[in-house]
PDB file of N, CA and C in Angstrom:
ATOM      1  N   MET A   1     102.688 128.988  60.829  1.00  0.00           N
ATOM      2  CA  MET A   1     102.917 130.098  59.941  1.00  0.00           C
ATOM      3  C   MET A   1     101.681 130.992  59.945  1.00  0.00           C
ATOM      4  N   LYS A   2     101.909 132.268  59.774  1.00  0.00           N
ATOM      5  CA  LYS A   2     100.800 133.213  59.672  1.00  0.00           C
ATOM      6  C   LYS A   2     100.480 133.477  58.214  1.00  0.00           C
ATOM      7  N   TYR A   3      99.195 133.682  57.960  1.00  0.00           N
ATOM      8  CA  TYR A   3      98.705 134.019  56.632  1.00  0.00           C
ATOM      9  C   TYR A   3      97.922 135.319  56.740  1.00  0.00           C
ATOM     10  N   GLU A   4      97.948 136.113  55.676  1.00  0.00           N
ATOM     11  CA  GLU A   4      97.293 137.418  55.684  1.00  0.00           C
ATOM     12  C   GLU A   4      96.246 137.507  54.583  1.00  0.00           C
ATOM     13  N   LEU A   5      95.143 138.135  54.926  1.00  0.00           N
ATOM     14  CA  LEU A   5      94.084 138.417  53.965  1.00  0.00           C
ATOM     15  C   LEU A   5      94.111 139.920  53.695  1.00  0.00           C
ATOM     16  N   TRP A   6      94.385 140.275  52.462  1.00  0.00           N
ATOM     17  CA  TRP A   6      94.401 141.656  52.013  1.00  0.00           C
ATOM     18  C   TRP A   6      93.204 141.865  51.100  1.00  0.00           C
ATOM     19  N   GLY A   7      92.700 143.084  51.035  1.00  0.00           N
ATOM     20  CA  GLY A   7      91.563 143.306  50.168  1.00  0.00           C
ATOM     21  C   GLY A   7      91.350 144.745  49.770  1.00  0.00           C
ATOM     22  N   ASN A   8      90.541 144.905  48.740  1.00  0.00           N
ATOM     23  CA  ASN A   8      90.067 146.205  48.278  1.00  0.00           C
ATOM     24  C   ASN A   8      88.676 145.985  47.684  1.00  0.00           C
ATOM     25  N   GLU A   9      88.143 146.990  47.015  1.00  0.00           N
ATOM     26  CA  GLU A   9      86.780 146.853  46.480  1.00  0.00           C
ATOM     27  C   GLU A   9      86.686 145.821  45.355  1.00  0.00           C
ATOM     28  N   ASP A  10      87.831 145.416  44.801  1.00  0.00           N
ATOM     29  CA  ASP A  10      87.828 144.445  43.698  1.00  0.00           C
ATOM     30  C   ASP A  10      87.968 142.997  44.153  1.00  0.00           C
ATOM     31  N   GLY A  11      88.351 142.773  45.410  1.00  0.00           N
ATOM     32  CA  GLY A  11      88.499 141.398  45.869  1.00  0.00           C
ATOM     33  C   GLY A  11      89.576 141.241  46.924  1.00  0.00           C
ATOM     34  N   TYR A  12      90.098 140.021  47.025  1.00  0.00           N
ATOM     35  CA  TYR A  12      91.018 139.667  48.086  1.00  0.00           C
ATOM     36  C   TYR A  12      92.298 139.023  47.551  1.00  0.00           C
ATOM     37  N   SER A  13      93.356 139.167  48.337  1.00  0.00           N
ATOM     38  CA  SER A  13      94.597 138.415  48.157  1.00  0.00           C
ATOM     39  C   SER A  13      94.862 137.712  49.471  1.00  0.00           C
ATOM     40  N   PHE A  14      95.244 136.451  49.421  1.00  0.00           N
ATOM     41  CA  PHE A  14      95.501 135.665  50.629  1.00  0.00           C
ATOM     42  C   PHE A  14      96.849 134.986  50.453  1.00  0.00           C
ATOM     43  N   LEU A  15      97.786 135.270  51.342  1.00  0.00           N
ATOM     44  CA  LEU A  15      99.137 134.773  51.173  1.00  0.00           C
ATOM     45  C   LEU A  15      99.875 134.662  52.497  1.00  0.00           C
ATOM     46  N   PRO A  16     101.003 133.953  52.487  1.00  0.00           N
ATOM     47  CA  PRO A  16     101.787 133.821  53.715  1.00  0.00           C
ATOM     48  C   PRO A  16     102.292 135.179  54.190  1.00  0.00           C
ATOM     49  N   GLU A  17     102.395 135.339  55.489  1.00  0.00           N
ATOM     50  CA  GLU A  17     102.848 136.598  56.074  1.00  0.00           C
ATOM     51  C   GLU A  17     104.276 136.945  55.664  1.00  0.00           C
ATOM     52  N   ASP A  18     105.072 135.947  55.313  1.00  0.00           N
ATOM     53  CA  ASP A  18     106.474 136.209  54.960  1.00  0.00           C
ATOM     54  C   ASP A  18     106.623 137.041  53.684  1.00  0.00           C
ATOM     55  N   HIS A  19     105.513 137.321  53.039  1.00  0.00           N
ATOM     56  CA  HIS A  19     105.455 138.160  51.838  1.00  0.00           C
ATOM     57  C   HIS A  19     106.290 137.610  50.690  1.00  0.00           C
ATOM     58  N   SER A  20     106.436 136.293  50.652  1.00  0.00           N
ATOM     59  CA  SER A  20     107.150 135.669  49.546  1.00  0.00           C
ATOM     60  C   SER A  20     106.415 135.885  48.229  1.00  0.00           C
ATOM     61  N   GLN A  21     105.147 136.261  48.318  1.00  0.00           N
ATOM     62  CA  GLN A  21     104.336 136.533  47.120  1.00  0.00           C
ATOM     63  C   GLN A  21     103.797 137.962  47.161  1.00  0.00           C
ATOM     64  N   LYS A  22     104.595 138.863  47.716  1.00  0.00           N
ATOM     65  CA  LYS A  22     104.156 140.239  47.930  1.00  0.00           C
ATOM     66  C   LYS A  22     103.683 140.931  46.649  1.00  0.00           C
ATOM     67  N   GLU A  23     104.189 140.497  45.494  1.00  0.00           N
ATOM     68  CA  GLU A  23     103.790 141.124  44.230  1.00  0.00           C
ATOM     69  C   GLU A  23     102.297 140.943  43.943  1.00  0.00           C
ATOM     70  N   LEU A  24     101.637 140.033  44.659  1.00  0.00           N
ATOM     71  CA  LEU A  24     100.200 139.820  44.472  1.00  0.00           C
ATOM     72  C   LEU A  24      99.358 140.911  45.141  1.00  0.00           C
ATOM     73  N   ILE A  25      99.945 141.645  46.063  1.00  0.00           N
ATOM     74  CA  ILE A  25      99.209 142.698  46.777  1.00  0.00           C
ATOM     75  C   ILE A  25      99.308 143.990  45.983  1.00  0.00           C
ATOM     76  N   THR A  26      98.164 144.576  45.655  1.00  0.00           N
ATOM     77  CA  THR A  26      98.158 145.849  44.934  1.00  0.00           C
ATOM     78  C   THR A  26      98.267 147.005  45.924  1.00  0.00           C
ATOM     79  N   GLU A  27      98.623 148.164  45.412  1.00  0.00           N
ATOM     80  CA  GLU A  27      98.854 149.340  46.263  1.00  0.00           C
ATOM     81  C   GLU A  27      97.625 149.759  47.061  1.00  0.00           C
ATOM     82  N   ASP A  28      96.444 149.496  46.534  1.00  0.00           N
ATOM     83  CA  ASP A  28      95.234 149.955  47.215  1.00  0.00           C
ATOM     84  C   ASP A  28      94.633 148.911  48.167  1.00  0.00           C
ATOM     85  N   GLU A  29      95.277 147.763  48.321  1.00  0.00           N
ATOM     86  CA  GLU A  29      94.774 146.745  49.246  1.00  0.00           C
ATOM     87  C   GLU A  29      95.215 147.062  50.673  1.00  0.00           C
ATOM     88  N   VAL A  30      94.351 146.713  51.612  1.00  0.00           N
ATOM     89  CA  VAL A  30      94.661 146.893  53.029  1.00  0.00           C
ATOM     90  C   VAL A  30      94.589 145.533  53.726  1.00  0.00           C
ATOM     91  N   LEU A  31      95.372 145.399  54.779  1.00  0.00           N
ATOM     92  CA  LEU A  31      95.341 144.170  55.561  1.00  0.00           C
ATOM     93  C   LEU A  31      94.027 144.094  56.318  1.00  0.00           C
ATOM     94  N   ILE A  32      93.305 142.989  56.138  1.00  0.00           N
ATOM     95  CA  ILE A  32      91.986 142.814  56.742  1.00  0.00           C
ATOM     96  C   ILE A  32      92.042 141.872  57.933  1.00  0.00           C
ATOM     97  N   TRP A  33      92.822 140.797  57.804  1.00  0.00           N
ATOM     98  CA  TRP A  33      92.742 139.711  58.793  1.00  0.00           C
ATOM     99  C   TRP A  33      93.982 138.851  58.686  1.00  0.00           C
ATOM    100  N   THR A  34      94.376 138.231  59.798  1.00  0.00           N
ATOM    101  CA  THR A  34      95.483 137.268  59.787  1.00  0.00           C
ATOM    102  C   THR A  34      95.036 135.975  60.461  1.00  0.00           C
ATOM    103  N   ALA A  35      95.683 134.877  60.073  1.00  0.00           N
ATOM    104  CA  ALA A  35      95.368 133.566  60.645  1.00  0.00           C
ATOM    105  C   ALA A  35      96.659 132.798  60.869  1.00  0.00           C
ATOM    106  N   GLU A  36      96.695 132.032  61.917  1.00  0.00           N
ATOM    107  CA  GLU A  36      97.802 131.123  62.196  1.00  0.00           C
ATOM    108  C   GLU A  36      97.357 129.736  61.744  1.00  0.00           C
ATOM    109  N   ALA A  37      98.190 129.071  60.931  1.00  0.00           N
ATOM    110  CA  ALA A  37      97.848 127.736  60.441  1.00  0.00           C
ATOM    111  C   ALA A  37      99.127 126.967  60.131  1.00  0.00           C
ATOM    112  N   GLU A  38      99.047 125.650  60.280  1.00  0.00           N
ATOM    113  CA  GLU A  38     100.208 124.815  59.995  1.00  0.00           C
ATOM    114  C   GLU A  38     100.362 124.521  58.510  1.00  0.00           C
ATOM    115  N   THR A  39      99.252 124.562  57.755  1.00  0.00           N
ATOM    116  CA  THR A  39      99.306 124.259  56.325  1.00  0.00           C
ATOM    117  C   THR A  39      98.476 125.265  55.544  1.00  0.00           C
ATOM    118  N   TRP A  40      98.717 125.297  54.240  1.00  0.00           N
ATOM    119  CA  TRP A  40      97.934 126.151  53.349  1.00  0.00           C
ATOM    120  C   TRP A  40      96.462 125.754  53.393  1.00  0.00           C
ATOM    121  N   GLN A  41      96.186 124.440  53.394  1.00  0.00           N
ATOM    122  CA  GLN A  41      94.798 123.976  53.450  1.00  0.00           C
ATOM    123  C   GLN A  41      94.093 124.478  54.701  1.00  0.00           C
ATOM    124  N   GLU A  42      94.752 124.358  55.855  1.00  0.00           N
ATOM    125  CA  GLU A  42      94.156 124.834  57.105  1.00  0.00           C
ATOM    126  C   GLU A  42      93.894 126.331  57.040  1.00  0.00           C
ATOM    127  N   ALA A  43      94.836 127.082  56.480  1.00  0.00           N
ATOM    128  CA  ALA A  43      94.664 128.531  56.346  1.00  0.00           C
ATOM    129  C   ALA A  43      93.463 128.863  55.461  1.00  0.00           C
ATOM    130  N   CYS A  44      93.306 128.114  54.370  1.00  0.00           N
ATOM    131  CA  CYS A  44      92.171 128.353  53.467  1.00  0.00           C
ATOM    132  C   CYS A  44      90.842 128.014  54.126  1.00  0.00           C
ATOM    133  N   PHE A  45      90.810 126.964  54.937  1.00  0.00           N
ATOM    134  CA  PHE A  45      89.591 126.646  55.690  1.00  0.00           C
ATOM    135  C   PHE A  45      89.229 127.814  56.605  1.00  0.00           C
ATOM    136  N   LYS A  46      90.220 128.339  57.310  1.00  0.00           N
ATOM    137  CA  LYS A  46      89.972 129.456  58.233  1.00  0.00           C
ATOM    138  C   LYS A  46      89.538 130.715  57.480  1.00  0.00           C
ATOM    139  N   ARG A  47      90.177 130.984  56.328  1.00  0.00           N
ATOM    140  CA  ARG A  47      89.811 132.151  55.518  1.00  0.00           C
ATOM    141  C   ARG A  47      88.352 132.069  55.085  1.00  0.00           C
ATOM    142  N   ASN A  48      87.953 130.926  54.548  1.00  0.00           N
ATOM    143  CA  ASN A  48      86.573 130.779  54.072  1.00  0.00           C
ATOM    144  C   ASN A  48      85.582 130.928  55.217  1.00  0.00           C
ATOM    145  N   GLU A  49      85.919 130.373  56.365  1.00  0.00           N
ATOM    146  CA  GLU A  49      85.052 130.511  57.533  1.00  0.00           C
ATOM    147  C   GLU A  49      84.943 131.982  57.935  1.00  0.00           C
ATOM    148  N   TYR A  50      86.053 132.687  57.978  1.00  0.00           N
ATOM    149  CA  TYR A  50      86.061 134.108  58.344  1.00  0.00           C
ATOM    150  C   TYR A  50      85.197 134.937  57.399  1.00  0.00           C
ATOM    151  N   LEU A  51      85.291 134.639  56.103  1.00  0.00           N
ATOM    152  CA  LEU A  51      84.547 135.409  55.106  1.00  0.00           C
ATOM    153  C   LEU A  51      83.099 134.945  54.937  1.00  0.00           C
ATOM    154  N   GLY A  52      82.719 133.855  55.626  1.00  0.00           N
ATOM    155  CA  GLY A  52      81.358 133.349  55.512  1.00  0.00           C
ATOM    156  C   GLY A  52      81.114 132.609  54.213  1.00  0.00           C
ATOM    157  N   TRP A  53      82.193 132.132  53.589  1.00  0.00           N
ATOM    158  CA  TRP A  53      82.083 131.377  52.339  1.00  0.00           C
ATOM    159  C   TRP A  53      81.837 129.911  52.643  1.00  0.00           C
ATOM    160  N   ASN A  54      81.514 129.140  51.614  1.00  0.00           N
ATOM    161  CA  ASN A  54      81.412 127.685  51.758  1.00  0.00           C
ATOM    162  C   ASN A  54      82.757 127.128  52.216  1.00  0.00           C
ATOM    163  N   PRO A  55      82.741 125.977  52.873  1.00  0.00           N
ATOM    164  CA  PRO A  55      84.005 125.391  53.324  1.00  0.00           C
ATOM    165  C   PRO A  55      84.984 125.193  52.163  1.00  0.00           C
ATOM    166  N   TYR A  56      86.249 125.418  52.446  1.00  0.00           N
ATOM    167  CA  TYR A  56      87.310 125.227  51.454  1.00  0.00           C
ATOM    168  C   TYR A  56      87.373 123.772  51.031  1.00  0.00           C
ATOM    169  N   ARG A  57      87.500 123.533  49.732  1.00  0.00           N
ATOM    170  CA  ARG A  57      87.626 122.173  49.192  1.00  0.00           C
ATOM    171  C   ARG A  57      88.988 122.051  48.530  1.00  0.00           C
ATOM    172  N   PRO A  58      89.910 121.334  49.155  1.00  0.00           N
ATOM    173  CA  PRO A  58      91.239 121.202  48.555  1.00  0.00           C
ATOM    174  C   PRO A  58      91.175 120.455  47.223  1.00  0.00           C
ATOM    175  N   MET A  59      92.096 120.813  46.320  1.00  0.00           N
ATOM    176  CA  MET A  59      92.174 120.172  45.010  1.00  0.00           C
ATOM    177  C   MET A  59      93.576 119.619  44.790  1.00  0.00           C
ATOM    178  N   CYS A  60      93.643 118.564  44.026  1.00  0.00           N
ATOM    179  CA  CYS A  60      94.920 117.982  43.630  1.00  0.00           C
ATOM    180  C   CYS A  60      95.665 119.001  42.765  1.00  0.00           C
ATOM    181  N   PRO A  61      96.923 119.291  43.071  1.00  0.00           N
ATOM    182  CA  PRO A  61      97.654 120.271  42.275  1.00  0.00           C
ATOM    183  C   PRO A  61      97.962 119.798  40.855  1.00  0.00           C
ATOM    184  N   HIS A  62      97.829 118.508  40.612  1.00  0.00           N
ATOM    185  CA  HIS A  62      98.160 117.956  39.299  1.00  0.00           C
ATOM    186  C   HIS A  62      96.952 117.902  38.368  1.00  0.00           C
ATOM    187  N   CYS A  63      95.835 117.359  38.855  1.00  0.00           N
ATOM    188  CA  CYS A  63      94.673 117.154  37.977  1.00  0.00           C
ATOM    189  C   CYS A  63      93.462 117.996  38.388  1.00  0.00           C
ATOM    190  N   LYS A  64      93.565 118.706  39.492  1.00  0.00           N
ATOM    191  CA  LYS A  64      92.504 119.608  39.987  1.00  0.00           C
ATOM    192  C   LYS A  64      91.255 118.895  40.487  1.00  0.00           C
ATOM    193  N   SER A  65      91.322 117.580  40.732  1.00  0.00           N
ATOM    194  CA  SER A  65      90.171 116.880  41.316  1.00  0.00           C
ATOM    195  C   SER A  65      90.152 117.143  42.826  1.00  0.00           C
ATOM    196  N   ASP A  66      88.973 117.006  43.431  1.00  0.00           N
ATOM    197  CA  ASP A  66      88.848 117.193  44.876  1.00  0.00           C
ATOM    198  C   ASP A  66      89.658 116.138  45.603  1.00  0.00           C
ATOM    199  N   ILE A  67      90.292 116.550  46.704  1.00  0.00           N
ATOM    200  CA  ILE A  67      91.040 115.608  47.537  1.00  0.00           C
ATOM    201  C   ILE A  67      90.594 115.748  48.980  1.00  0.00           C
ATOM    202  N   THR A  68      90.955 114.785  49.792  1.00  0.00           N
ATOM    203  CA  THR A  68      90.625 114.797  51.206  1.00  0.00           C
ATOM    204  C   THR A  68      91.541 115.781  51.928  1.00  0.00           C
ATOM    205  N   TYR A  69      90.980 116.504  52.887  1.00  0.00           N
ATOM    206  CA  TYR A  69      91.775 117.436  53.685  1.00  0.00           C
ATOM    207  C   TYR A  69      92.981 116.707  54.261  1.00  0.00           C
ATOM    208  N   GLY A  70      94.142 117.286  54.127  1.00  0.00           N
ATOM    209  CA  GLY A  70      95.366 116.708  54.644  1.00  0.00           C
ATOM    210  C   GLY A  70      96.161 115.922  53.611  1.00  0.00           C
ATOM    211  N   GLU A  71      95.525 115.577  52.495  1.00  0.00           N
ATOM    212  CA  GLU A  71      96.215 114.858  51.424  1.00  0.00           C
ATOM    213  C   GLU A  71      96.931 115.869  50.523  1.00  0.00           C
ATOM    214  N   GLU A  72      98.036 115.450  49.915  1.00  0.00           N
ATOM    215  CA  GLU A  72      98.776 116.337  49.023  1.00  0.00           C
ATOM    216  C   GLU A  72      98.329 116.218  47.574  1.00  0.00           C
ATOM    217  N   CYS A  73      97.852 115.033  47.192  1.00  0.00           N
ATOM    218  CA  CYS A  73      97.311 114.844  45.852  1.00  0.00           C
ATOM    219  C   CYS A  73      96.336 113.677  45.868  1.00  0.00           C
ATOM    220  N   CYS A  74      95.649 113.485  44.749  1.00  0.00           N
ATOM    221  CA  CYS A  74      94.636 112.423  44.685  1.00  0.00           C
ATOM    222  C   CYS A  74      95.278 111.054  44.513  1.00  0.00           C
ATOM    223  N   GLU A  75      94.504 110.025  44.726  1.00  0.00           N
ATOM    224  CA  GLU A  75      95.007 108.640  44.607  1.00  0.00           C
ATOM    225  C   GLU A  75      95.504 108.336  43.205  1.00  0.00           C
ATOM    226  N   ASP A  76      94.789 108.842  42.185  1.00  0.00           N
ATOM    227  CA  ASP A  76      95.211 108.585  40.801  1.00  0.00           C
ATOM    228  C   ASP A  76      96.606 109.165  40.539  1.00  0.00           C
ATOM    229  N   CYS A  77      96.848 110.369  41.005  1.00  0.00           N
ATOM    230  CA  CYS A  77      98.138 111.011  40.751  1.00  0.00           C
ATOM    231  C   CYS A  77      99.255 110.394  41.604  1.00  0.00           C
ATOM    232  N   LYS A  78      98.911 109.898  42.785  1.00  0.00           N
ATOM    233  CA  LYS A  78      99.908 109.235  43.618  1.00  0.00           C
ATOM    234  C   LYS A  78     100.447 107.977  42.948  1.00  0.00           C
ATOM    235  N   GLU A  79      99.597 107.331  42.134  1.00  0.00           N
ATOM    236  CA  GLU A  79      99.967 106.079  41.490  1.00  0.00           C
ATOM    237  C   GLU A  79     100.797 106.300  40.231  1.00  0.00           C
ATOM    238  N   ARG A  80     100.900 107.499  39.756  1.00  0.00           N
ATOM    239  CA  ARG A  80     101.678 107.787  38.533  1.00  0.00           C
ATOM    240  C   ARG A  80     103.149 107.806  38.806  1.00  0.00           C
TER     241      ARG A  80
END
């Protein structure tokens, strides 16, 4: 899947190319960069690298604790 990085002077929007979240893009944002990735985590790693940010750290969607790349949630939440 392709992901797009949009931006303006106020910041960035990063979303799938299919524009399923198009409402997140404001009228004054322009397309800056695209990435091909198999997962959201992989896309975020590539985005952070492109922007020169610290490496992306995935978080558990349930409790927001750090998780290992490729995992969907933390061990504590998997056991619930």
